[in-house]
């Protein structure tokens, strides 16, 4: 598949045909990043793929160790943020401890 025509609806929406989604590896729930590479030309990729490509580029460059550490930390923070967004029952350690304490208080009446 090399050329696909898409129609923009009245409210500015468009639909990616299933065959295009499959060819691009897009799945339901994916967040897509659209990046302009030149006037009127864009690249569309999943958010995860964009992060991965930036990570690979940084790790293969001559970046200093501190830069790599910073990128690793930021990547871990982003993964945690995505986990929180995709899992509404996710709780931080502090939230879990508070919830557990409340539950124990309710059970033991303290």
PDB file of N, CA and C in Angstrom:
ATOM      1  N   UNK A   1       0.864  -1.169   0.000  1.00  0.00           N
ATOM      2  CA  UNK A   1       0.000   0.000   0.000  1.00  0.00           C
ATOM      3  C   UNK A   1       0.907   1.229   0.000  1.00  0.00           C
ATOM      4  N   UNK A   2       0.831   2.017  -1.051  1.00  0.00           N
ATOM      5  CA  UNK A   2       1.705   3.182  -1.120  1.00  0.00           C
ATOM      6  C   UNK A   2       0.932   4.496  -1.065  1.00  0.00           C
ATOM      7  N   UNK A   3      -0.291   4.517  -1.573  1.00  0.00           N
ATOM      8  CA  UNK A   3      -1.081   5.748  -1.548  1.00  0.00           C
ATOM      9  C   UNK A   3      -2.472   5.424  -1.019  1.00  0.00           C
ATOM     10  N   UNK A   4      -2.916   6.218  -0.059  1.00  0.00           N
ATOM     11  CA  UNK A   4      -4.255   6.057   0.507  1.00  0.00           C
ATOM     12  C   UNK A   4      -4.896   7.430   0.528  1.00  0.00           C
ATOM     13  N   UNK A   5      -6.115   7.525   0.034  1.00  0.00           N
ATOM     14  CA  UNK A   5      -6.847   8.792   0.107  1.00  0.00           C
ATOM     15  C   UNK A   5      -7.762   8.763   1.314  1.00  0.00           C
ATOM     16  N   UNK A   6      -7.754   9.850   2.072  1.00  0.00           N
ATOM     17  CA  UNK A   6      -8.620   9.989   3.239  1.00  0.00           C
ATOM     18  C   UNK A   6      -9.471  11.234   3.054  1.00  0.00           C
ATOM     19  N   UNK A   7     -10.707  11.166   3.490  1.00  0.00           N
ATOM     20  CA  UNK A   7     -11.592  12.325   3.428  1.00  0.00           C
ATOM     21  C   UNK A   7     -11.705  12.948   4.817  1.00  0.00           C
ATOM     22  N   UNK A   8     -11.637  14.271   4.857  1.00  0.00           N
ATOM     23  CA  UNK A   8     -11.826  14.988   6.106  1.00  0.00           C
ATOM     24  C   UNK A   8     -13.292  15.351   6.200  1.00  0.00           C
ATOM     25  N   UNK A   9     -13.920  14.932   7.291  1.00  0.00           N
ATOM     26  CA  UNK A   9     -15.349  15.172   7.491  1.00  0.00           C
ATOM     27  C   UNK A   9     -15.594  16.612   7.937  1.00  0.00           C
ATOM     28  N   UNK A  10     -16.861  16.984   8.049  1.00  0.00           N
ATOM     29  CA  UNK A  10     -17.246  18.350   8.400  1.00  0.00           C
ATOM     30  C   UNK A  10     -16.629  18.836   9.705  1.00  0.00           C
ATOM     31  N   UNK A  11     -16.548  17.973  10.694  1.00  0.00           N
ATOM     32  CA  UNK A  11     -16.007  18.372  11.990  1.00  0.00           C
ATOM     33  C   UNK A  11     -14.489  18.202  12.065  1.00  0.00           C
ATOM     34  N   UNK A  12     -13.853  17.998  10.923  1.00  0.00           N
ATOM     35  CA  UNK A  12     -12.402  17.889  10.878  1.00  0.00           C
ATOM     36  C   UNK A  12     -11.872  16.502  11.186  1.00  0.00           C
ATOM     37  N   UNK A  13     -12.730  15.533  11.250  1.00  0.00           N
ATOM     38  CA  UNK A  13     -12.312  14.173  11.574  1.00  0.00           C
ATOM     39  C   UNK A  13     -12.046  13.374  10.312  1.00  0.00           C
ATOM     40  N   UNK A  14     -11.178  12.380  10.470  1.00  0.00           N
ATOM     41  CA  UNK A  14     -10.919  11.440   9.390  1.00  0.00           C
ATOM     42  C   UNK A  14     -10.737  10.061  10.010  1.00  0.00           C
ATOM     43  N   UNK A  15     -10.899   9.037   9.208  1.00  0.00           N
ATOM     44  CA  UNK A  15     -10.778   7.667   9.677  1.00  0.00           C
ATOM     45  C   UNK A  15      -9.649   7.001   8.900  1.00  0.00           C
ATOM     46  N   UNK A  16      -8.777   6.300   9.636  1.00  0.00           N
ATOM     47  CA  UNK A  16      -7.725   5.539   8.979  1.00  0.00           C
ATOM     48  C   UNK A  16      -8.286   4.165   8.634  1.00  0.00           C
ATOM     49  N   UNK A  17      -8.269   3.788   7.365  1.00  0.00           N
ATOM     50  CA  UNK A  17      -8.783   2.469   6.983  1.00  0.00           C
ATOM     51  C   UNK A  17      -8.031   1.360   7.725  1.00  0.00           C
ATOM     52  N   UNK A  18      -8.727   0.256   7.980  1.00  0.00           N
ATOM     53  CA  UNK A  18      -8.146  -0.863   8.721  1.00  0.00           C
ATOM     54  C   UNK A  18      -6.865  -1.348   8.059  1.00  0.00           C
ATOM     55  N   UNK A  19      -6.861  -1.419   6.734  1.00  0.00           N
ATOM     56  CA  UNK A  19      -5.656  -1.899   6.040  1.00  0.00           C
ATOM     57  C   UNK A  19      -4.458  -0.986   6.299  1.00  0.00           C
ATOM     58  N   UNK A  20      -4.695   0.316   6.405  1.00  0.00           N
ATOM     59  CA  UNK A  20      -3.617   1.255   6.717  1.00  0.00           C
ATOM     60  C   UNK A  20      -3.171   1.083   8.169  1.00  0.00           C
ATOM     61  N   UNK A  21      -4.127   0.909   9.074  1.00  0.00           N
ATOM     62  CA  UNK A  21      -3.790   0.688  10.480  1.00  0.00           C
ATOM     63  C   UNK A  21      -2.922  -0.562  10.638  1.00  0.00           C
ATOM     64  N   UNK A  22      -3.303  -1.628   9.946  1.00  0.00           N
ATOM     65  CA  UNK A  22      -2.530  -2.874  10.022  1.00  0.00           C
ATOM     66  C   UNK A  22      -1.136  -2.686   9.434  1.00  0.00           C
ATOM     67  N   UNK A  23      -1.053  -2.014   8.289  1.00  0.00           N
ATOM     68  CA  UNK A  23       0.240  -1.796   7.650  1.00  0.00           C
ATOM     69  C   UNK A  23       1.177  -0.980   8.535  1.00  0.00           C
ATOM     70  N   UNK A  24       0.603  -0.056   9.326  1.00  0.00           N
ATOM     71  CA  UNK A  24       1.399   0.796  10.208  1.00  0.00           C
ATOM     72  C   UNK A  24       1.609   0.179  11.587  1.00  0.00           C
ATOM     73  N   UNK A  25       0.890  -0.900  11.866  1.00  0.00           N
ATOM     74  CA  UNK A  25       1.001  -1.535  13.177  1.00  0.00           C
ATOM     75  C   UNK A  25       0.243  -0.805  14.268  1.00  0.00           C
ATOM     76  N   UNK A  26      -0.743   0.015  13.890  1.00  0.00           N
ATOM     77  CA  UNK A  26      -1.545   0.743  14.875  1.00  0.00           C
ATOM     78  C   UNK A  26      -2.592  -0.190  15.466  1.00  0.00           C
ATOM     79  N   UNK A  27      -2.775  -0.076  16.784  1.00  0.00           N
ATOM     80  CA  UNK A  27      -3.772  -0.891  17.471  1.00  0.00           C
ATOM     81  C   UNK A  27      -4.751   0.021  18.196  1.00  0.00           C
ATOM     82  N   UNK A  28      -5.958  -0.474  18.481  1.00  0.00           N
ATOM     83  CA  UNK A  28      -6.916   0.346  19.237  1.00  0.00           C
ATOM     84  C   UNK A  28      -6.288   0.809  20.556  1.00  0.00           C
ATOM     85  N   UNK A  29      -6.472   2.073  20.870  1.00  0.00           N
ATOM     86  CA  UNK A  29      -5.930   2.631  22.102  1.00  0.00           C
ATOM     87  C   UNK A  29      -4.563   3.280  21.936  1.00  0.00           C
ATOM     88  N   UNK A  30      -3.901   3.054  20.797  1.00  0.00           N
ATOM     89  CA  UNK A  30      -2.596   3.689  20.574  1.00  0.00           C
ATOM     90  C   UNK A  30      -2.757   5.201  20.498  1.00  0.00           C
ATOM     91  N   UNK A  31      -1.774   5.913  21.029  1.00  0.00           N
ATOM     92  CA  UNK A  31      -1.698   7.354  20.856  1.00  0.00           C
ATOM     93  C   UNK A  31      -0.762   7.595  19.681  1.00  0.00           C
ATOM     94  N   UNK A  32      -1.221   8.377  18.717  1.00  0.00           N
ATOM     95  CA  UNK A  32      -0.420   8.633  17.525  1.00  0.00           C
ATOM     96  C   UNK A  32       0.233  10.006  17.610  1.00  0.00           C
ATOM     97  N   UNK A  33       1.474  10.056  17.172  1.00  0.00           N
ATOM     98  CA  UNK A  33       2.238  11.298  17.107  1.00  0.00           C
ATOM     99  C   UNK A  33       2.338  11.679  15.638  1.00  0.00           C
ATOM    100  N   UNK A  34       1.976  12.912  15.334  1.00  0.00           N
ATOM    101  CA  UNK A  34       2.076  13.424  13.969  1.00  0.00           C
ATOM    102  C   UNK A  34       3.137  14.512  13.983  1.00  0.00           C
ATOM    103  N   UNK A  35       4.176  14.314  13.191  1.00  0.00           N
ATOM    104  CA  UNK A  35       5.296  15.252  13.152  1.00  0.00           C
ATOM    105  C   UNK A  35       5.471  15.785  11.736  1.00  0.00           C
ATOM    106  N   UNK A  36       5.515  17.104  11.615  1.00  0.00           N
ATOM    107  CA  UNK A  36       5.724  17.709  10.302  1.00  0.00           C
ATOM    108  C   UNK A  36       7.204  17.624   9.966  1.00  0.00           C
ATOM    109  N   UNK A  37       7.522  17.020   8.823  1.00  0.00           N
ATOM    110  CA  UNK A  37       8.915  16.875   8.420  1.00  0.00           C
ATOM    111  C   UNK A  37       9.319  17.902   7.368  1.00  0.00           C
ATOM    112  N   UNK A  38       8.338  18.468   6.678  1.00  0.00           N
ATOM    113  CA  UNK A  38       8.558  19.578   5.747  1.00  0.00           C
ATOM    114  C   UNK A  38       7.185  20.172   5.464  1.00  0.00           C
ATOM    115  N   UNK A  39       7.143  21.237   4.710  1.00  0.00           N
ATOM    116  CA  UNK A  39       5.863  21.891   4.437  1.00  0.00           C
ATOM    117  C   UNK A  39       4.828  20.913   3.899  1.00  0.00           C
ATOM    118  N   UNK A  40       3.812  20.655   4.696  1.00  0.00           N
ATOM    119  CA  UNK A  40       2.717  19.801   4.270  1.00  0.00           C
ATOM    120  C   UNK A  40       3.007  18.318   4.258  1.00  0.00           C
ATOM    121  N   UNK A  41       4.174  17.888   4.735  1.00  0.00           N
ATOM    122  CA  UNK A  41       4.521  16.458   4.787  1.00  0.00           C
ATOM    123  C   UNK A  41       4.673  16.063   6.247  1.00  0.00           C
ATOM    124  N   UNK A  42       4.047  14.953   6.607  1.00  0.00           N
ATOM    125  CA  UNK A  42       4.001  14.536   7.991  1.00  0.00           C
ATOM    126  C   UNK A  42       4.374  13.066   8.138  1.00  0.00           C
ATOM    127  N   UNK A  43       4.860  12.730   9.319  1.00  0.00           N
ATOM    128  CA  UNK A  43       5.117  11.339   9.689  1.00  0.00           C
ATOM    129  C   UNK A  43       4.179  11.031  10.849  1.00  0.00           C
ATOM    130  N   UNK A  44       3.506   9.875  10.770  1.00  0.00           N
ATOM    131  CA  UNK A  44       2.592   9.444  11.825  1.00  0.00           C
ATOM    132  C   UNK A  44       3.138   8.144  12.394  1.00  0.00           C
ATOM    133  N   UNK A  45       3.334   8.118  13.722  1.00  0.00           N
ATOM    134  CA  UNK A  45       3.795   6.907  14.386  1.00  0.00           C
ATOM    135  C   UNK A  45       3.221   6.837  15.788  1.00  0.00           C
ATOM    136  N   UNK A  46       3.273   5.659  16.371  1.00  0.00           N
ATOM    137  CA  UNK A  46       2.745   5.534  17.723  1.00  0.00           C
ATOM    138  C   UNK A  46       3.662   6.275  18.692  1.00  0.00           C
ATOM    139  N   UNK A  47       3.081   6.679  19.789  1.00  0.00           N
ATOM    140  CA  UNK A  47       3.846   7.395  20.810  1.00  0.00           C
ATOM    141  C   UNK A  47       4.989   6.522  21.328  1.00  0.00           C
ATOM    142  N   UNK A  48       4.694   5.240  21.535  1.00  0.00           N
ATOM    143  CA  UNK A  48       5.710   4.318  22.029  1.00  0.00           C
ATOM    144  C   UNK A  48       6.868   4.195  21.046  1.00  0.00           C
ATOM    145  N   UNK A  49       6.544   4.122  19.735  1.00  0.00           N
ATOM    146  CA  UNK A  49       7.596   4.020  18.721  1.00  0.00           C
ATOM    147  C   UNK A  49       8.423   5.295  18.665  1.00  0.00           C
ATOM    148  N   UNK A  50       7.783   6.453  18.818  1.00  0.00           N
ATOM    149  CA  UNK A  50       8.504   7.723  18.809  1.00  0.00           C
ATOM    150  C   UNK A  50       9.482   7.779  19.976  1.00  0.00           C
ATOM    151  N   UNK A  51       9.012   7.395  21.158  1.00  0.00           N
ATOM    152  CA  UNK A  51       9.879   7.387  22.343  1.00  0.00           C
ATOM    153  C   UNK A  51      11.039   6.424  22.119  1.00  0.00           C
ATOM    154  N   UNK A  52      10.734   5.240  21.578  1.00  0.00           N
ATOM    155  CA  UNK A  52      11.777   4.239  21.326  1.00  0.00           C
ATOM    156  C   UNK A  52      12.816   4.763  20.337  1.00  0.00           C
ATOM    157  N   UNK A  53      12.372   5.413  19.273  1.00  0.00           N
ATOM    158  CA  UNK A  53      13.328   5.910  18.275  1.00  0.00           C
ATOM    159  C   UNK A  53      14.193   7.033  18.848  1.00  0.00           C
ATOM    160  N   UNK A  54      13.604   7.896  19.675  1.00  0.00           N
ATOM    161  CA  UNK A  54      14.393   8.946  20.327  1.00  0.00           C
ATOM    162  C   UNK A  54      15.408   8.340  21.291  1.00  0.00           C
ATOM    163  N   UNK A  55      14.972   7.320  22.015  1.00  0.00           N
ATOM    164  CA  UNK A  55      15.852   6.633  22.955  1.00  0.00           C
ATOM    165  C   UNK A  55      17.025   5.984  22.221  1.00  0.00           C
ATOM    166  N   UNK A  56      16.720   5.280  21.129  1.00  0.00           N
ATOM    167  CA  UNK A  56      17.772   4.626  20.347  1.00  0.00           C
ATOM    168  C   UNK A  56      18.754   5.647  19.789  1.00  0.00           C
ATOM    169  N   UNK A  57      18.240   6.750  19.311  1.00  0.00           N
ATOM    170  CA  UNK A  57      19.096   7.804  18.758  1.00  0.00           C
ATOM    171  C   UNK A  57      20.017   8.357  19.831  1.00  0.00           C
ATOM    172  N   UNK A  58      19.467   8.597  21.022  1.00  0.00           N
ATOM    173  CA  UNK A  58      20.268   9.147  22.116  1.00  0.00           C
ATOM    174  C   UNK A  58      21.332   8.154  22.573  1.00  0.00           C
ATOM    175  N   UNK A  59      20.981   6.880  22.636  1.00  0.00           N
ATOM    176  CA  UNK A  59      21.912   5.877  23.145  1.00  0.00           C
ATOM    177  C   UNK A  59      23.031   5.565  22.149  1.00  0.00           C
ATOM    178  N   UNK A  60      22.807   5.807  20.870  1.00  0.00           N
ATOM    179  CA  UNK A  60      23.841   5.536  19.876  1.00  0.00           C
ATOM    180  C   UNK A  60      24.667   6.779  19.563  1.00  0.00           C
ATOM    181  N   UNK A  61      24.249   7.913  20.094  1.00  0.00           N
ATOM    182  CA  UNK A  61      25.000   9.143  19.845  1.00  0.00           C
ATOM    183  C   UNK A  61      26.170   9.232  20.817  1.00  0.00           C
ATOM    184  N   UNK A  62      26.935  10.274  20.700  1.00  0.00           N
ATOM    185  CA  UNK A  62      28.065  10.505  21.585  1.00  0.00           C
ATOM    186  C   UNK A  62      27.641  11.273  22.829  1.00  0.00           C
ATOM    187  N   UNK A  63      26.419  11.044  23.275  1.00  0.00           N
ATOM    188  CA  UNK A  63      25.902  11.752  24.450  1.00  0.00           C
ATOM    189  C   UNK A  63      26.725  11.376  25.673  1.00  0.00           C
ATOM    190  N   UNK A  64      26.865  12.324  26.571  1.00  0.00           N
ATOM    191  CA  UNK A  64      27.619  12.066  27.790  1.00  0.00           C
ATOM    192  C   UNK A  64      26.853  11.094  28.679  1.00  0.00           C
ATOM    193  N   UNK A  65      27.555  10.499  29.631  1.00  0.00           N
ATOM    194  CA  UNK A  65      26.933   9.553  30.549  1.00  0.00           C
ATOM    195  C   UNK A  65      25.801  10.194  31.327  1.00  0.00           C
ATOM    196  N   UNK A  66      25.994  11.439  31.772  1.00  0.00           N
ATOM    197  CA  UNK A  66      24.940  12.092  32.540  1.00  0.00           C
ATOM    198  C   UNK A  66      23.692  12.309  31.687  1.00  0.00           C
ATOM    199  N   UNK A  67      23.870  12.580  30.411  1.00  0.00           N
ATOM    200  CA  UNK A  67      22.728  12.740  29.506  1.00  0.00           C
ATOM    201  C   UNK A  67      21.992  11.413  29.374  1.00  0.00           C
ATOM    202  N   UNK A  68      22.737  10.335  29.228  1.00  0.00           N
ATOM    203  CA  UNK A  68      22.121   9.016  29.118  1.00  0.00           C
ATOM    204  C   UNK A  68      21.370   8.659  30.399  1.00  0.00           C
ATOM    205  N   UNK A  69      21.941   9.000  31.542  1.00  0.00           N
ATOM    206  CA  UNK A  69      21.269   8.729  32.815  1.00  0.00           C
ATOM    207  C   UNK A  69      19.982   9.536  32.911  1.00  0.00           C
ATOM    208  N   UNK A  70      20.043  10.786  32.504  1.00  0.00           N
ATOM    209  CA  UNK A  70      18.865  11.640  32.526  1.00  0.00           C
ATOM    210  C   UNK A  70      17.780  11.087  31.600  1.00  0.00           C
ATOM    211  N   UNK A  71      18.170  10.648  30.414  1.00  0.00           N
ATOM    212  CA  UNK A  71      17.214  10.069  29.474  1.00  0.00           C
ATOM    213  C   UNK A  71      16.613   8.779  30.025  1.00  0.00           C
ATOM    214  N   UNK A  72      17.436   7.963  30.664  1.00  0.00           N
ATOM    215  CA  UNK A  72      16.929   6.725  31.250  1.00  0.00           C
ATOM    216  C   UNK A  72      15.911   7.034  32.343  1.00  0.00           C
ATOM    217  N   UNK A  73      16.231   8.032  33.191  1.00  0.00           N
ATOM    218  CA  UNK A  73      15.318   8.428  34.260  1.00  0.00           C
ATOM    219  C   UNK A  73      14.008   8.940  33.665  1.00  0.00           C
ATOM    220  N   UNK A  74      14.110   9.794  32.659  1.00  0.00           N
ATOM    221  CA  UNK A  74      12.920  10.363  32.025  1.00  0.00           C
ATOM    222  C   UNK A  74      12.087   9.273  31.352  1.00  0.00           C
ATOM    223  N   UNK A  75      12.753   8.310  30.741  1.00  0.00           N
ATOM    224  CA  UNK A  75      12.051   7.201  30.108  1.00  0.00           C
ATOM    225  C   UNK A  75      11.279   6.389  31.147  1.00  0.00           C
ATOM    226  N   UNK A  76      11.906   6.117  32.277  1.00  0.00           N
ATOM    227  CA  UNK A  76      11.230   5.375  33.347  1.00  0.00           C
ATOM    228  C   UNK A  76      10.039   6.153  33.892  1.00  0.00           C
ATOM    229  N   UNK A  77      10.199   7.469  34.042  1.00  0.00           N
ATOM    230  CA  UNK A  77       9.083   8.306  34.501  1.00  0.00           C
ATOM    231  C   UNK A  77       7.929   8.259  33.508  1.00  0.00           C
ATOM    232  N   UNK A  78       8.255   8.295  32.222  1.00  0.00           N
ATOM    233  CA  UNK A  78       7.226   8.267  31.184  1.00  0.00           C
ATOM    234  C   UNK A  78       6.512   6.918  31.170  1.00  0.00           C
ATOM    235  N   UNK A  79       7.250   5.831  31.339  1.00  0.00           N
ATOM    236  CA  UNK A  79       6.634   4.506  31.399  1.00  0.00           C
ATOM    237  C   UNK A  79       5.667   4.419  32.578  1.00  0.00           C
ATOM    238  N   UNK A  80       6.079   4.954  33.727  1.00  0.00           N
ATOM    239  CA  UNK A  80       5.208   4.946  34.903  1.00  0.00           C
ATOM    240  C   UNK A  80       3.957   5.784  34.649  1.00  0.00           C
ATOM    241  N   UNK A  81       4.130   6.943  34.008  1.00  0.00           N
ATOM    242  CA  UNK A  81       2.984   7.806  33.698  1.00  0.00           C
ATOM    243  C   UNK A  81       2.016   7.088  32.766  1.00  0.00           C
ATOM    244  N   UNK A  82       2.546   6.413  31.751  1.00  0.00           N
ATOM    245  CA  UNK A  82       1.693   5.676  30.818  1.00  0.00           C
ATOM    246  C   UNK A  82       0.979   4.529  31.526  1.00  0.00           C
ATOM    247  N   UNK A  83       1.666   3.878  32.452  1.00  0.00           N
ATOM    248  CA  UNK A  83       1.032   2.797  33.210  1.00  0.00           C
ATOM    249  C   UNK A  83      -0.127   3.339  34.037  1.00  0.00           C
ATOM    250  N   UNK A  84       0.075   4.499  34.656  1.00  0.00           N
ATOM    251  CA  UNK A  84      -0.996   5.107  35.447  1.00  0.00           C
ATOM    252  C   UNK A  84      -2.193   5.456  34.562  1.00  0.00           C
ATOM    253  N   UNK A  85      -1.913   5.985  33.372  1.00  0.00           N
ATOM    254  CA  UNK A  85      -2.996   6.375  32.467  1.00  0.00           C
ATOM    255  C   UNK A  85      -3.758   5.171  31.945  1.00  0.00           C
ATOM    256  N   UNK A  86      -3.039   4.077  31.695  1.00  0.00           N
ATOM    257  CA  UNK A  86      -3.691   2.907  31.124  1.00  0.00           C
ATOM    258  C   UNK A  86      -4.311   2.005  32.178  1.00  0.00           C
ATOM    259  N   UNK A  87      -3.996   2.224  33.440  1.00  0.00           N
ATOM    260  CA  UNK A  87      -4.522   1.399  34.515  1.00  0.00           C
ATOM    261  C   UNK A  87      -5.140   2.301  35.578  1.00  0.00           C
ATOM    262  N   UNK A  88      -6.451   2.552  35.496  1.00  0.00           N
ATOM    263  CA  UNK A  88      -7.076   3.482  36.435  1.00  0.00           C
ATOM    264  C   UNK A  88      -7.024   3.023  37.879  1.00  0.00           C
ATOM    265  N   UNK A  89      -6.712   1.746  38.129  1.00  0.00           N
ATOM    266  CA  UNK A  89      -6.627   1.270  39.508  1.00  0.00           C
ATOM    267  C   UNK A  89      -5.207   1.355  40.051  1.00  0.00           C
ATOM    268  N   UNK A  90      -4.271   1.823  39.235  1.00  0.00           N
ATOM    269  CA  UNK A  90      -2.885   1.957  39.661  1.00  0.00           C
ATOM    270  C   UNK A  90      -2.783   2.978  40.790  1.00  0.00           C
ATOM    271  N   UNK A  91      -2.043   2.630  41.812  1.00  0.00           N
ATOM    272  CA  UNK A  91      -1.845   3.554  42.931  1.00  0.00           C
ATOM    273  C   UNK A  91      -0.370   3.635  43.258  1.00  0.00           C
ATOM    274  N   UNK A  92       0.063   4.785  43.668  1.00  0.00           N
ATOM    275  CA  UNK A  92       1.446   4.947  44.084  1.00  0.00           C
ATOM    276  C   UNK A  92       1.642   4.242  45.411  1.00  0.00           C
ATOM    277  N   UNK A  93       2.876   4.081  45.856  1.00  0.00           N
ATOM    278  CA  UNK A  93       3.148   3.445  47.147  1.00  0.00           C
ATOM    279  C   UNK A  93       2.455   4.177  48.276  1.00  0.00           C
ATOM    280  N   UNK A  94       2.506   5.507  48.248  1.00  0.00           N
ATOM    281  CA  UNK A  94       1.870   6.296  49.311  1.00  0.00           C
ATOM    282  C   UNK A  94       0.365   6.073  49.314  1.00  0.00           C
ATOM    283  N   UNK A  95      -0.245   6.057  48.133  1.00  0.00           N
ATOM    284  CA  UNK A  95      -1.692   5.820  48.037  1.00  0.00           C
ATOM    285  C   UNK A  95      -2.038   4.417  48.525  1.00  0.00           C
ATOM    286  N   UNK A  96      -1.201   3.423  48.165  1.00  0.00           N
ATOM    287  CA  UNK A  96      -1.448   2.049  48.584  1.00  0.00           C
ATOM    288  C   UNK A  96      -1.370   1.914  50.095  1.00  0.00           C
ATOM    289  N   UNK A  97      -0.365   2.545  50.703  1.00  0.00           N
ATOM    290  CA  UNK A  97      -0.210   2.474  52.160  1.00  0.00           C
ATOM    291  C   UNK A  97      -1.393   3.133  52.861  1.00  0.00           C
ATOM    292  N   UNK A  98      -1.817   4.267  52.346  1.00  0.00           N
ATOM    293  CA  UNK A  98      -2.947   4.982  52.944  1.00  0.00           C
ATOM    294  C   UNK A  98      -4.219   4.145  52.824  1.00  0.00           C
ATOM    295  N   UNK A  99      -4.418   3.537  51.658  1.00  0.00           N
ATOM    296  CA  UNK A  99      -5.587   2.704  51.427  1.00  0.00           C
ATOM    297  C   UNK A  99      -5.555   1.480  52.339  1.00  0.00           C
ATOM    298  N   UNK A 100      -4.392   0.864  52.473  1.00  0.00           N
ATOM    299  CA  UNK A 100      -4.256  -0.309  53.336  1.00  0.00           C
ATOM    300  C   UNK A 100      -4.529   0.063  54.790  1.00  0.00           C
ATOM    301  N   UNK A 101      -4.022   1.218  55.234  1.00  0.00           N
ATOM    302  CA  UNK A 101      -4.251   1.669  56.605  1.00  0.00           C
ATOM    303  C   UNK A 101      -5.738   1.905  56.844  1.00  0.00           C
ATOM    304  N   UNK A 102      -6.419   2.507  55.891  1.00  0.00           N
ATOM    305  CA  UNK A 102      -7.856   2.750  56.013  1.00  0.00           C
ATOM    306  C   UNK A 102      -8.633   1.443  56.098  1.00  0.00           C
ATOM    307  N   UNK A 103      -8.226   0.473  55.288  1.00  0.00           N
ATOM    308  CA  UNK A 103      -8.884  -0.817  55.284  1.00  0.00           C
ATOM    309  C   UNK A 103      -8.688  -1.534  56.620  1.00  0.00           C
ATOM    310  N   UNK A 104      -7.473  -1.497  57.156  1.00  0.00           N
ATOM    311  CA  UNK A 104      -7.198  -2.119  58.455  1.00  0.00           C
ATOM    312  C   UNK A 104      -8.005  -1.445  59.564  1.00  0.00           C
ATOM    313  N   UNK A 105      -8.096  -0.108  59.509  1.00  0.00           N
ATOM    314  CA  UNK A 105      -8.885   0.623  60.497  1.00  0.00           C
ATOM    315  C   UNK A 105     -10.343   0.191  60.447  1.00  0.00           C
ATOM    316  N   UNK A 106     -10.863   0.020  59.236  1.00  0.00           N
ATOM    317  CA  UNK A 106     -12.266  -0.377  59.083  1.00  0.00           C
ATOM    318  C   UNK A 106     -12.504  -1.794  59.592  1.00  0.00           C
ATOM    319  N   UNK A 107     -11.543  -2.685  59.314  1.00  0.00           N
ATOM    320  CA  UNK A 107     -11.694  -4.083  59.723  1.00  0.00           C
ATOM    321  C   UNK A 107     -11.567  -4.244  61.235  1.00  0.00           C
ATOM    322  N   UNK A 108     -10.561  -3.583  61.811  1.00  0.00           N
ATOM    323  CA  UNK A 108     -10.279  -3.771  63.230  1.00  0.00           C
ATOM    324  C   UNK A 108     -10.894  -2.689  64.101  1.00  0.00           C
ATOM    325  N   UNK A 109     -11.578  -1.732  63.484  1.00  0.00           N
ATOM    326  CA  UNK A 109     -12.277  -0.693  64.236  1.00  0.00           C
ATOM    327  C   UNK A 109     -11.376   0.219  65.038  1.00  0.00           C
ATOM    328  N   UNK A 110     -10.204   0.479  64.572  1.00  0.00           N
ATOM    329  CA  UNK A 110      -9.283   1.376  65.294  1.00  0.00           C
ATOM    330  C   UNK A 110      -9.330   2.762  64.741  1.00  0.00           C
TER     331      UNK A 110
END
